[in-house]
Amino acid sequence: MTASSTTTPALAKEVALLAVLATLWGASYTFIRIGVETIPPITFIAARTLIAGGLLVAIIKMRGLSLPKDPAIWKRFFIQACINSVIPFTLIAWAEQTVNAGLATILNSTTPIFAFLLTVLITRHEAVTMRKLLGTIAGVIGISLIIGMEAFQGVGKELVAQLAIVAATISYAAAAIFGRGFKGLDPMMPAAGSMICGAVILIPVSLVVDQPWTIAPSADSLLALLGLSVFSTALAFVIYFRLIHTLGSVSTTSQAYLRVPIGVGIGVIFLGETLASTALTGLVFVVIGVAAMTFPSRKKTVPV
């Protein structure tokens, strides 16, 4: 049996899982949009991190593993929680009270672009190639086209909400860089640890700010919360960390642009959303930019 006959089916399975991951994360924006209709953003995200963290811990236990006990590692989990869940999750949930799910998907798809910019400006561990530079420019043009019309009309609530999503995207990019420090751990550990820390941070804030016992969430919002926590967070993380091992980190980040048309399509089909012509043009530039940033360079292989 040749190597290609054994590897091709396996590769097809991983690519299929990549599409599933893009769908799960693309759907998250619609889940959030429905959830925050009757559940305040802080409480919604606190519940999301609590449910997802509990499920991830259960998966770790089923695998016969246990979470680290080193306080230094938990300190890093805490930092990761702040920049990978507490800040971006909450900003996106707050913004989606006024920004539609499709637009949120487009704006949030630019994480690899900001990760590249932060890498160049701060860590400088990657070379600046012309392709990545052009991808960054295309992404910035895309964002400008998406939020530019509101900017010309003055700073209003809609613009602030859109900029909040961009800020969340930058936070995700910082988290991706900071997360490189967890190489010595099973990848499920930082996922579960950061979710637990996120819940520890957000639950007290929710109790003080939202007083969740006074909330009367709708059935749709509760189902959206459950779907977001189980599928778009816990299950998505399991698939994500599997793909990191099988496809590699660079190829796995391609879900960032795969989820753009998926997320926009879900919002249009299930929420009846529409996008302005400038936003659609911006979408094209964003997809081109993120694709340029994430497609791996071709390397010559030497037979073993």
C-alpha atoms as a PDB file:
ATOM      1  CA  MET A   1       0.000   0.000   0.000  1.00  0.00           C
ATOM      2  CA  THR A   2       1.429   3.371  -1.000  1.00  0.00           C
ATOM      3  CA  ALA A   3       1.811   6.307   1.328  1.00  0.00           C
ATOM      4  CA  SER A   4      -0.650   8.365  -0.700  1.00  0.00           C
ATOM      5  CA  SER A   5      -3.373   5.702  -0.424  1.00  0.00           C
ATOM      6  CA  THR A   6      -3.189   5.846   3.355  1.00  0.00           C
ATOM      7  CA  THR A   7      -2.643   9.558   3.847  1.00  0.00           C
ATOM      8  CA  THR A   8      -5.215  10.919   1.362  1.00  0.00           C
ATOM      9  CA  PRO A   9      -8.304   9.571   3.200  1.00  0.00           C
ATOM     10  CA  ALA A  10      -6.839  10.753   6.500  1.00  0.00           C
ATOM     11  CA  LEU A  11      -6.217  14.222   5.058  1.00  0.00           C
ATOM     12  CA  ALA A  12      -9.759  14.355   3.681  1.00  0.00           C
ATOM     13  CA  LYS A  13     -11.085  13.589   7.170  1.00  0.00           C
ATOM     14  CA  GLU A  14      -9.044  16.372   8.724  1.00  0.00           C
ATOM     15  CA  VAL A  15     -10.149  18.856   6.055  1.00  0.00           C
ATOM     16  CA  ALA A  16     -13.756  17.847   6.743  1.00  0.00           C
ATOM     17  CA  LEU A  17     -13.168  18.499  10.445  1.00  0.00           C
ATOM     18  CA  LEU A  18     -11.697  21.882   9.518  1.00  0.00           C
ATOM     19  CA  ALA A  19     -14.946  22.727   7.730  1.00  0.00           C
ATOM     20  CA  VAL A  20     -16.915  21.562  10.783  1.00  0.00           C
ATOM     21  CA  LEU A  21     -14.781  23.800  13.006  1.00  0.00           C
ATOM     22  CA  ALA A  22     -15.367  26.795  10.717  1.00  0.00           C
ATOM     23  CA  THR A  23     -19.103  26.090  10.839  1.00  0.00           C
ATOM     24  CA  LEU A  24     -19.158  25.813  14.639  1.00  0.00           C
ATOM     25  CA  TRP A  25     -17.284  29.086  15.079  1.00  0.00           C
ATOM     26  CA  GLY A  26     -19.197  30.755  12.246  1.00  0.00           C
ATOM     27  CA  ALA A  27     -22.472  29.829  13.970  1.00  0.00           C
ATOM     28  CA  SER A  28     -21.299  31.313  17.274  1.00  0.00           C
ATOM     29  CA  TYR A  29     -22.151  34.847  16.146  1.00  0.00           C
ATOM     30  CA  THR A  30     -25.759  33.874  15.463  1.00  0.00           C
ATOM     31  CA  PHE A  31     -25.960  32.088  18.830  1.00  0.00           C
ATOM     32  CA  ILE A  32     -24.661  35.237  20.534  1.00  0.00           C
ATOM     33  CA  ARG A  33     -27.041  37.505  18.636  1.00  0.00           C
ATOM     34  CA  ILE A  34     -30.024  35.412  19.779  1.00  0.00           C
ATOM     35  CA  GLY A  35     -28.712  34.932  23.311  1.00  0.00           C
ATOM     36  CA  VAL A  36     -28.141  38.589  24.178  1.00  0.00           C
ATOM     37  CA  GLU A  37     -31.700  39.490  23.194  1.00  0.00           C
ATOM     38  CA  THR A  38     -32.862  38.521  26.700  1.00  0.00           C
ATOM     39  CA  ILE A  39     -29.644  37.681  28.603  1.00  0.00           C
ATOM     40  CA  PRO A  40     -27.217  40.528  29.481  1.00  0.00           C
ATOM     41  CA  PRO A  41     -23.795  40.121  27.822  1.00  0.00           C
ATOM     42  CA  ILE A  42     -21.755  39.618  31.021  1.00  0.00           C
ATOM     43  CA  THR A  43     -24.112  36.967  32.388  1.00  0.00           C
ATOM     44  CA  PHE A  44     -24.335  35.311  28.972  1.00  0.00           C
ATOM     45  CA  ILE A  45     -20.558  35.012  28.655  1.00  0.00           C
ATOM     46  CA  ALA A  46     -20.129  33.989  32.309  1.00  0.00           C
ATOM     47  CA  ALA A  47     -22.515  31.093  31.689  1.00  0.00           C
ATOM     48  CA  ARG A  48     -20.754  30.271  28.421  1.00  0.00           C
ATOM     49  CA  THR A  49     -17.335  29.950  30.069  1.00  0.00           C
ATOM     50  CA  LEU A  50     -18.761  27.999  33.021  1.00  0.00           C
ATOM     51  CA  ILE A  51     -20.587  25.439  30.871  1.00  0.00           C
ATOM     52  CA  ALA A  52     -17.754  25.071  28.339  1.00  0.00           C
ATOM     53  CA  GLY A  53     -15.117  24.856  31.078  1.00  0.00           C
ATOM     54  CA  GLY A  54     -17.090  22.153  32.883  1.00  0.00           C
ATOM     55  CA  LEU A  55     -17.428  20.115  29.701  1.00  0.00           C
ATOM     56  CA  LEU A  56     -13.732  20.436  28.898  1.00  0.00           C
ATOM     57  CA  VAL A  57     -12.774  19.341  32.416  1.00  0.00           C
ATOM     58  CA  ALA A  58     -15.082  16.330  32.005  1.00  0.00           C
ATOM     59  CA  ILE A  59     -13.371  15.449  28.711  1.00  0.00           C
ATOM     60  CA  ILE A  60      -9.963  15.707  30.380  1.00  0.00           C
ATOM     61  CA  LYS A  61     -11.130  13.385  33.173  1.00  0.00           C
ATOM     62  CA  MET A  62     -12.482  10.895  30.628  1.00  0.00           C
ATOM     63  CA  ARG A  63      -9.059  10.883  29.004  1.00  0.00           C
ATOM     64  CA  GLY A  64      -7.544   9.909  32.342  1.00  0.00           C
ATOM     65  CA  LEU A  65      -5.705  13.209  32.736  1.00  0.00           C
ATOM     66  CA  SER A  66      -5.795  15.915  35.385  1.00  0.00           C
ATOM     67  CA  LEU A  67      -5.332  19.677  35.338  1.00  0.00           C
ATOM     68  CA  PRO A  68      -1.934  21.101  36.374  1.00  0.00           C
ATOM     69  CA  LYS A  69      -1.432  22.093  40.014  1.00  0.00           C
ATOM     70  CA  ASP A  70       1.484  24.504  39.515  1.00  0.00           C
ATOM     71  CA  PRO A  71       0.396  28.058  40.567  1.00  0.00           C
ATOM     72  CA  ALA A  72       2.657  29.564  37.903  1.00  0.00           C
ATOM     73  CA  ILE A  73       0.767  27.699  35.182  1.00  0.00           C
ATOM     74  CA  TRP A  74      -2.574  28.822  36.597  1.00  0.00           C
ATOM     75  CA  LYS A  75      -1.303  32.405  36.539  1.00  0.00           C
ATOM     76  CA  ARG A  76      -0.727  31.985  32.810  1.00  0.00           C
ATOM     77  CA  PHE A  77      -4.169  30.405  32.464  1.00  0.00           C
ATOM     78  CA  PHE A  78      -5.593  33.516  34.151  1.00  0.00           C
ATOM     79  CA  ILE A  79      -3.848  35.842  31.699  1.00  0.00           C
ATOM     80  CA  GLN A  80      -4.940  33.672  28.774  1.00  0.00           C
ATOM     81  CA  ALA A  81      -8.522  33.769  30.082  1.00  0.00           C
ATOM     82  CA  CYS A  82      -8.510  37.563  30.164  1.00  0.00           C
ATOM     83  CA  ILE A  83      -7.264  38.054  26.603  1.00  0.00           C
ATOM     84  CA  ASN A  84      -8.830  34.970  24.978  1.00  0.00           C
ATOM     85  CA  SER A  85     -12.288  34.828  26.579  1.00  0.00           C
ATOM     86  CA  VAL A  86     -13.213  37.419  29.220  1.00  0.00           C
ATOM     87  CA  ILE A  87     -12.386  40.528  27.170  1.00  0.00           C
ATOM     88  CA  PRO A  88     -13.180  39.394  23.595  1.00  0.00           C
ATOM     89  CA  PHE A  89     -16.229  37.238  24.451  1.00  0.00           C
ATOM     90  CA  THR A  90     -17.790  40.076  26.447  1.00  0.00           C
ATOM     91  CA  LEU A  91     -16.993  42.765  23.876  1.00  0.00           C
ATOM     92  CA  ILE A  92     -18.514  40.704  21.057  1.00  0.00           C
ATOM     93  CA  ALA A  93     -21.617  39.833  23.091  1.00  0.00           C
ATOM     94  CA  TRP A  94     -22.116  43.503  24.000  1.00  0.00           C
ATOM     95  CA  ALA A  95     -21.557  44.632  20.410  1.00  0.00           C
ATOM     96  CA  GLU A  96     -23.996  42.105  18.973  1.00  0.00           C
ATOM     97  CA  GLN A  97     -26.843  43.822  20.772  1.00  0.00           C
ATOM     98  CA  THR A  98     -26.697  46.286  17.875  1.00  0.00           C
ATOM     99  CA  VAL A  99     -24.340  44.759  15.269  1.00  0.00           C
ATOM    100  CA  ASN A 100     -25.707  41.886  13.208  1.00  0.00           C
ATOM    101  CA  ALA A 101     -24.082  38.455  13.301  1.00  0.00           C
ATOM    102  CA  GLY A 102     -22.802  38.595   9.717  1.00  0.00           C
ATOM    103  CA  LEU A 103     -20.971  41.851  10.284  1.00  0.00           C
ATOM    104  CA  ALA A 104     -19.499  40.531  13.542  1.00  0.00           C
ATOM    105  CA  THR A 105     -18.225  37.468  11.662  1.00  0.00           C
ATOM    106  CA  ILE A 106     -16.489  39.613   9.046  1.00  0.00           C
ATOM    107  CA  LEU A 107     -14.826  41.924  11.548  1.00  0.00           C
ATOM    108  CA  ASN A 108     -13.717  39.080  13.819  1.00  0.00           C
ATOM    109  CA  SER A 109     -12.205  37.080  10.939  1.00  0.00           C
ATOM    110  CA  THR A 110      -9.188  39.377  10.850  1.00  0.00           C
ATOM    111  CA  THR A 111      -7.471  37.831  13.885  1.00  0.00           C
ATOM    112  CA  PRO A 112      -4.525  36.448  11.837  1.00  0.00           C
ATOM    113  CA  ILE A 113      -3.909  39.916  10.400  1.00  0.00           C
ATOM    114  CA  PHE A 114      -3.652  41.504  13.837  1.00  0.00           C
ATOM    115  CA  ALA A 115      -1.602  38.548  15.075  1.00  0.00           C
ATOM    116  CA  PHE A 116       0.860  39.242  12.272  1.00  0.00           C
ATOM    117  CA  LEU A 117       0.975  42.968  13.092  1.00  0.00           C
ATOM    118  CA  LEU A 118       1.562  42.304  16.795  1.00  0.00           C
ATOM    119  CA  THR A 119       4.238  39.775  15.897  1.00  0.00           C
ATOM    120  CA  VAL A 120       6.059  42.255  13.668  1.00  0.00           C
ATOM    121  CA  LEU A 121       5.758  45.149  16.122  1.00  0.00           C
ATOM    122  CA  ILE A 122       6.399  43.262  19.386  1.00  0.00           C
ATOM    123  CA  THR A 123       7.727  39.690  19.211  1.00  0.00           C
ATOM    124  CA  ARG A 124       9.360  39.906  15.756  1.00  0.00           C
ATOM    125  CA  HIS A 125       9.756  36.154  15.466  1.00  0.00           C
ATOM    126  CA  GLU A 126       8.450  36.035  11.881  1.00  0.00           C
ATOM    127  CA  ALA A 127       9.914  37.526   8.735  1.00  0.00           C
ATOM    128  CA  VAL A 128       7.866  40.177   6.904  1.00  0.00           C
ATOM    129  CA  THR A 129       7.091  38.760   3.455  1.00  0.00           C
ATOM    130  CA  MET A 130       5.471  40.665   0.602  1.00  0.00           C
ATOM    131  CA  ARG A 131       2.516  38.269   0.614  1.00  0.00           C
ATOM    132  CA  LYS A 132       1.838  38.838   4.309  1.00  0.00           C
ATOM    133  CA  LEU A 133       2.267  42.578   3.907  1.00  0.00           C
ATOM    134  CA  LEU A 134      -0.249  42.650   1.042  1.00  0.00           C
ATOM    135  CA  GLY A 135      -2.589  40.456   3.083  1.00  0.00           C
ATOM    136  CA  THR A 136      -2.395  42.898   5.977  1.00  0.00           C
ATOM    137  CA  ILE A 137      -3.138  45.849   3.690  1.00  0.00           C
ATOM    138  CA  ALA A 138      -6.109  44.032   2.150  1.00  0.00           C
ATOM    139  CA  GLY A 139      -7.465  43.254   5.603  1.00  0.00           C
ATOM    140  CA  VAL A 140      -7.171  46.863   6.761  1.00  0.00           C
ATOM    141  CA  ILE A 141      -8.932  48.043   3.589  1.00  0.00           C
ATOM    142  CA  GLY A 142     -11.686  45.515   4.257  1.00  0.00           C
ATOM    143  CA  ILE A 143     -12.237  46.747   7.809  1.00  0.00           C
ATOM    144  CA  SER A 144     -12.269  50.353   6.581  1.00  0.00           C
ATOM    145  CA  LEU A 145     -14.934  49.543   3.984  1.00  0.00           C
ATOM    146  CA  ILE A 146     -17.067  47.730   6.564  1.00  0.00           C
ATOM    147  CA  ILE A 147     -17.088  50.458   9.206  1.00  0.00           C
ATOM    148  CA  GLY A 148     -16.149  53.448   7.029  1.00  0.00           C
ATOM    149  CA  MET A 149     -19.654  54.722   6.232  1.00  0.00           C
ATOM    150  CA  GLU A 150     -20.582  55.057   9.900  1.00  0.00           C
ATOM    151  CA  ALA A 151     -17.279  56.798  10.600  1.00  0.00           C
ATOM    152  CA  PHE A 152     -18.067  59.517   8.069  1.00  0.00           C
ATOM    153  CA  GLN A 153     -21.388  60.140   9.822  1.00  0.00           C
ATOM    154  CA  GLY A 154     -19.709  60.673  13.187  1.00  0.00           C
ATOM    155  CA  VAL A 155     -18.978  58.457  16.135  1.00  0.00           C
ATOM    156  CA  GLY A 156     -22.255  56.778  17.080  1.00  0.00           C
ATOM    157  CA  LYS A 157     -23.406  53.683  18.888  1.00  0.00           C
ATOM    158  CA  GLU A 158     -23.081  51.470  15.818  1.00  0.00           C
ATOM    159  CA  LEU A 159     -19.485  52.524  15.174  1.00  0.00           C
ATOM    160  CA  VAL A 160     -18.512  52.011  18.811  1.00  0.00           C
ATOM    161  CA  ALA A 161     -19.990  48.498  18.724  1.00  0.00           C
ATOM    162  CA  GLN A 162     -18.091  47.672  15.532  1.00  0.00           C
ATOM    163  CA  LEU A 163     -14.850  48.976  16.999  1.00  0.00           C
ATOM    164  CA  ALA A 164     -15.512  46.828  20.097  1.00  0.00           C
ATOM    165  CA  ILE A 165     -15.477  43.752  17.841  1.00  0.00           C
ATOM    166  CA  VAL A 166     -12.220  44.913  16.261  1.00  0.00           C
ATOM    167  CA  ALA A 167     -10.787  45.364  19.773  1.00  0.00           C
ATOM    168  CA  ALA A 168     -11.916  41.822  20.602  1.00  0.00           C
ATOM    169  CA  THR A 169     -10.155  40.622  17.460  1.00  0.00           C
ATOM    170  CA  ILE A 170      -6.924  42.301  18.539  1.00  0.00           C
ATOM    171  CA  SER A 171      -7.319  40.628  21.944  1.00  0.00           C
ATOM    172  CA  TYR A 172      -7.678  37.236  20.217  1.00  0.00           C
ATOM    173  CA  ALA A 173      -4.503  37.968  18.266  1.00  0.00           C
ATOM    174  CA  ALA A 174      -2.606  38.757  21.482  1.00  0.00           C
ATOM    175  CA  ALA A 175      -3.947  35.537  22.990  1.00  0.00           C
ATOM    176  CA  ALA A 176      -2.677  33.526  20.016  1.00  0.00           C
ATOM    177  CA  ILE A 177       0.812  34.928  20.572  1.00  0.00           C
ATOM    178  CA  PHE A 178       0.692  34.458  24.354  1.00  0.00           C
ATOM    179  CA  GLY A 179      -0.641  30.919  23.900  1.00  0.00           C
ATOM    180  CA  ARG A 180       2.626  29.872  22.254  1.00  0.00           C
ATOM    181  CA  GLY A 181       3.976  29.565  25.800  1.00  0.00           C
ATOM    182  CA  PHE A 182       1.832  26.489  26.515  1.00  0.00           C
ATOM    183  CA  LYS A 183       3.801  24.200  24.192  1.00  0.00           C
ATOM    184  CA  GLY A 184       4.828  21.859  27.003  1.00  0.00           C
ATOM    185  CA  LEU A 185       1.227  21.133  28.020  1.00  0.00           C
ATOM    186  CA  ASP A 186      -1.440  18.928  26.520  1.00  0.00           C
ATOM    187  CA  PRO A 187      -3.371  21.464  24.399  1.00  0.00           C
ATOM    188  CA  MET A 188      -6.622  20.638  26.199  1.00  0.00           C
ATOM    189  CA  MET A 189      -5.174  22.014  29.467  1.00  0.00           C
ATOM    190  CA  PRO A 190      -4.944  25.712  28.562  1.00  0.00           C
ATOM    191  CA  ALA A 191      -8.372  25.502  26.931  1.00  0.00           C
ATOM    192  CA  ALA A 192     -10.014  24.129  30.075  1.00  0.00           C
ATOM    193  CA  GLY A 193      -7.876  26.147  32.490  1.00  0.00           C
ATOM    194  CA  SER A 194      -8.574  29.449  30.748  1.00  0.00           C
ATOM    195  CA  MET A 195     -12.313  28.722  30.620  1.00  0.00           C
ATOM    196  CA  ILE A 196     -12.377  27.970  34.335  1.00  0.00           C
ATOM    197  CA  CYS A 197     -10.493  31.179  35.095  1.00  0.00           C
ATOM    198  CA  GLY A 198     -12.840  33.073  32.828  1.00  0.00           C
ATOM    199  CA  ALA A 199     -15.839  31.786  34.754  1.00  0.00           C
ATOM    200  CA  VAL A 200     -14.188  32.682  38.073  1.00  0.00           C
ATOM    201  CA  ILE A 201     -13.665  36.244  36.811  1.00  0.00           C
ATOM    202  CA  LEU A 202     -17.054  36.771  35.172  1.00  0.00           C
ATOM    203  CA  ILE A 203     -19.487  35.112  37.578  1.00  0.00           C
ATOM    204  CA  PRO A 204     -18.908  37.612  40.449  1.00  0.00           C
ATOM    205  CA  VAL A 205     -19.142  40.519  37.974  1.00  0.00           C
ATOM    206  CA  SER A 206     -22.396  39.083  36.647  1.00  0.00           C
ATOM    207  CA  LEU A 207     -23.823  38.773  40.168  1.00  0.00           C
ATOM    208  CA  VAL A 208     -23.023  42.415  40.944  1.00  0.00           C
ATOM    209  CA  VAL A 209     -23.817  44.069  37.602  1.00  0.00           C
ATOM    210  CA  ASP A 210     -26.662  42.006  36.137  1.00  0.00           C
ATOM    211  CA  GLN A 211     -28.219  40.342  39.198  1.00  0.00           C
ATOM    212  CA  PRO A 212     -29.077  37.295  37.057  1.00  0.00           C
ATOM    213  CA  TRP A 213     -31.809  36.105  39.428  1.00  0.00           C
ATOM    214  CA  THR A 214     -33.898  39.026  38.136  1.00  0.00           C
ATOM    215  CA  ILE A 215     -33.485  38.003  34.471  1.00  0.00           C
ATOM    216  CA  ALA A 216     -36.258  36.220  32.580  1.00  0.00           C
ATOM    217  CA  PRO A 217     -34.451  34.743  29.558  1.00  0.00           C
ATOM    218  CA  SER A 218     -36.450  33.428  26.629  1.00  0.00           C
ATOM    219  CA  ALA A 219     -36.321  29.800  25.548  1.00  0.00           C
ATOM    220  CA  ASP A 220     -34.537  30.857  22.358  1.00  0.00           C
ATOM    221  CA  SER A 221     -31.816  32.663  24.323  1.00  0.00           C
ATOM    222  CA  LEU A 222     -31.296  29.670  26.618  1.00  0.00           C
ATOM    223  CA  LEU A 223     -31.048  27.307  23.647  1.00  0.00           C
ATOM    224  CA  ALA A 224     -28.586  29.708  21.989  1.00  0.00           C
ATOM    225  CA  LEU A 225     -26.492  29.735  25.171  1.00  0.00           C
ATOM    226  CA  LEU A 226     -26.485  25.942  25.287  1.00  0.00           C
ATOM    227  CA  GLY A 227     -25.586  25.659  21.610  1.00  0.00           C
ATOM    228  CA  LEU A 228     -22.819  28.240  21.950  1.00  0.00           C
ATOM    229  CA  SER A 229     -21.326  26.600  25.052  1.00  0.00           C
ATOM    230  CA  VAL A 230     -21.537  22.954  23.961  1.00  0.00           C
ATOM    231  CA  PHE A 231     -20.919  23.171  20.225  1.00  0.00           C
ATOM    232  CA  SER A 232     -19.199  26.480  19.404  1.00  0.00           C
ATOM    233  CA  THR A 233     -16.958  26.448  22.485  1.00  0.00           C
ATOM    234  CA  ALA A 234     -16.350  23.030  24.094  1.00  0.00           C
ATOM    235  CA  LEU A 235     -16.710  20.821  20.992  1.00  0.00           C
ATOM    236  CA  ALA A 236     -14.977  23.409  18.814  1.00  0.00           C
ATOM    237  CA  PHE A 237     -11.981  23.478  21.155  1.00  0.00           C
ATOM    238  CA  VAL A 238     -11.707  19.676  21.053  1.00  0.00           C
ATOM    239  CA  ILE A 239     -11.678  19.708  17.235  1.00  0.00           C
ATOM    240  CA  TYR A 240      -9.340  22.699  17.141  1.00  0.00           C
ATOM    241  CA  PHE A 241      -6.656  21.098  19.302  1.00  0.00           C
ATOM    242  CA  ARG A 242      -6.923  17.842  17.343  1.00  0.00           C
ATOM    243  CA  LEU A 243      -6.295  19.758  14.107  1.00  0.00           C
ATOM    244  CA  ILE A 244      -3.331  21.566  15.645  1.00  0.00           C
ATOM    245  CA  HIS A 245      -1.687  18.131  15.951  1.00  0.00           C
ATOM    246  CA  THR A 246      -2.823  16.707  12.587  1.00  0.00           C
ATOM    247  CA  LEU A 247      -2.803  19.666  10.188  1.00  0.00           C
ATOM    248  CA  GLY A 248      -0.510  22.025  12.065  1.00  0.00           C
ATOM    249  CA  SER A 249      -1.222  25.452  13.476  1.00  0.00           C
ATOM    250  CA  VAL A 250      -0.853  27.380  10.203  1.00  0.00           C
ATOM    251  CA  SER A 251      -3.324  25.275   8.235  1.00  0.00           C
ATOM    252  CA  THR A 252      -5.753  25.163  11.139  1.00  0.00           C
ATOM    253  CA  THR A 253      -5.954  28.962  11.228  1.00  0.00           C
ATOM    254  CA  SER A 254      -7.489  28.815   7.740  1.00  0.00           C
ATOM    255  CA  GLN A 255     -10.831  28.412   9.511  1.00  0.00           C
ATOM    256  CA  ALA A 256     -10.583  32.175  10.118  1.00  0.00           C
ATOM    257  CA  TYR A 257     -11.530  32.884   6.519  1.00  0.00           C
ATOM    258  CA  LEU A 258     -13.630  29.743   6.029  1.00  0.00           C
ATOM    259  CA  ARG A 259     -15.970  30.929   8.770  1.00  0.00           C
ATOM    260  CA  VAL A 260     -16.602  34.300   7.079  1.00  0.00           C
ATOM    261  CA  PRO A 261     -18.977  33.088   4.331  1.00  0.00           C
ATOM    262  CA  ILE A 262     -20.361  30.448   6.707  1.00  0.00           C
ATOM    263  CA  GLY A 263     -21.066  32.917   9.496  1.00  0.00           C
ATOM    264  CA  VAL A 264     -22.534  35.507   7.142  1.00  0.00           C
ATOM    265  CA  GLY A 265     -24.665  32.863   5.425  1.00  0.00           C
ATOM    266  CA  ILE A 266     -26.043  31.584   8.742  1.00  0.00           C
ATOM    267  CA  GLY A 267     -26.966  35.132   9.763  1.00  0.00           C
ATOM    268  CA  VAL A 268     -28.717  35.787   6.439  1.00  0.00           C
ATOM    269  CA  ILE A 269     -30.627  32.473   6.443  1.00  0.00           C
ATOM    270  CA  PHE A 270     -31.681  32.247  10.093  1.00  0.00           C
ATOM    271  CA  LEU A 271     -31.830  35.917  11.140  1.00  0.00           C
ATOM    272  CA  GLY A 272     -32.835  37.502   7.842  1.00  0.00           C
ATOM    273  CA  GLU A 273     -29.842  39.836   7.945  1.00  0.00           C
ATOM    274  CA  THR A 274     -28.652  41.937   5.026  1.00  0.00           C
ATOM    275  CA  LEU A 275     -25.353  43.682   4.397  1.00  0.00           C
ATOM    276  CA  ALA A 276     -24.655  46.983   2.704  1.00  0.00           C
ATOM    277  CA  SER A 277     -22.733  46.970  -0.581  1.00  0.00           C
ATOM    278  CA  THR A 278     -19.645  48.458   1.100  1.00  0.00           C
ATOM    279  CA  ALA A 279     -19.685  45.673   3.691  1.00  0.00           C
ATOM    280  CA  LEU A 280     -19.842  43.023   0.973  1.00  0.00           C
ATOM    281  CA  THR A 281     -16.868  44.643  -0.762  1.00  0.00           C
ATOM    282  CA  GLY A 282     -15.079  44.755   2.582  1.00  0.00           C
ATOM    283  CA  LEU A 283     -15.817  41.058   3.053  1.00  0.00           C
ATOM    284  CA  VAL A 284     -13.976  40.282  -0.191  1.00  0.00           C
ATOM    285  CA  PHE A 285     -10.914  42.242   0.915  1.00  0.00           C
ATOM    286  CA  VAL A 286     -10.957  40.635   4.386  1.00  0.00           C
ATOM    287  CA  VAL A 287     -11.151  37.106   2.952  1.00  0.00           C
ATOM    288  CA  ILE A 288      -8.298  37.869   0.533  1.00  0.00           C
ATOM    289  CA  GLY A 289      -6.224  39.386   3.332  1.00  0.00           C
ATOM    290  CA  VAL A 290      -6.731  36.590   5.839  1.00  0.00           C
ATOM    291  CA  ALA A 291      -6.180  33.933   3.164  1.00  0.00           C
ATOM    292  CA  ALA A 292      -2.886  35.562   2.206  1.00  0.00           C
ATOM    293  CA  MET A 293      -1.900  35.554   5.862  1.00  0.00           C
ATOM    294  CA  THR A 294      -2.751  31.934   6.596  1.00  0.00           C
ATOM    295  CA  PHE A 295      -1.984  29.894   3.471  1.00  0.00           C
ATOM    296  CA  PRO A 296       1.276  28.058   4.152  1.00  0.00           C
ATOM    297  CA  SER A 297       4.152  28.566   1.780  1.00  0.00           C
ATOM    298  CA  ARG A 298       4.961  25.630  -0.468  1.00  0.00           C
ATOM    299  CA  LYS A 299       8.044  23.774   0.569  1.00  0.00           C
ATOM    300  CA  LYS A 300       9.959  21.196  -1.394  1.00  0.00           C
ATOM    301  CA  THR A 301       9.850  17.780   0.190  1.00  0.00           C
ATOM    302  CA  VAL A 302      12.715  15.338   0.141  1.00  0.00           C
ATOM    303  CA  PRO A 303      11.853  11.605  -0.055  1.00  0.00           C
ATOM    304  CA  VAL A 304      12.783   9.709   3.093  1.00  0.00           C
END
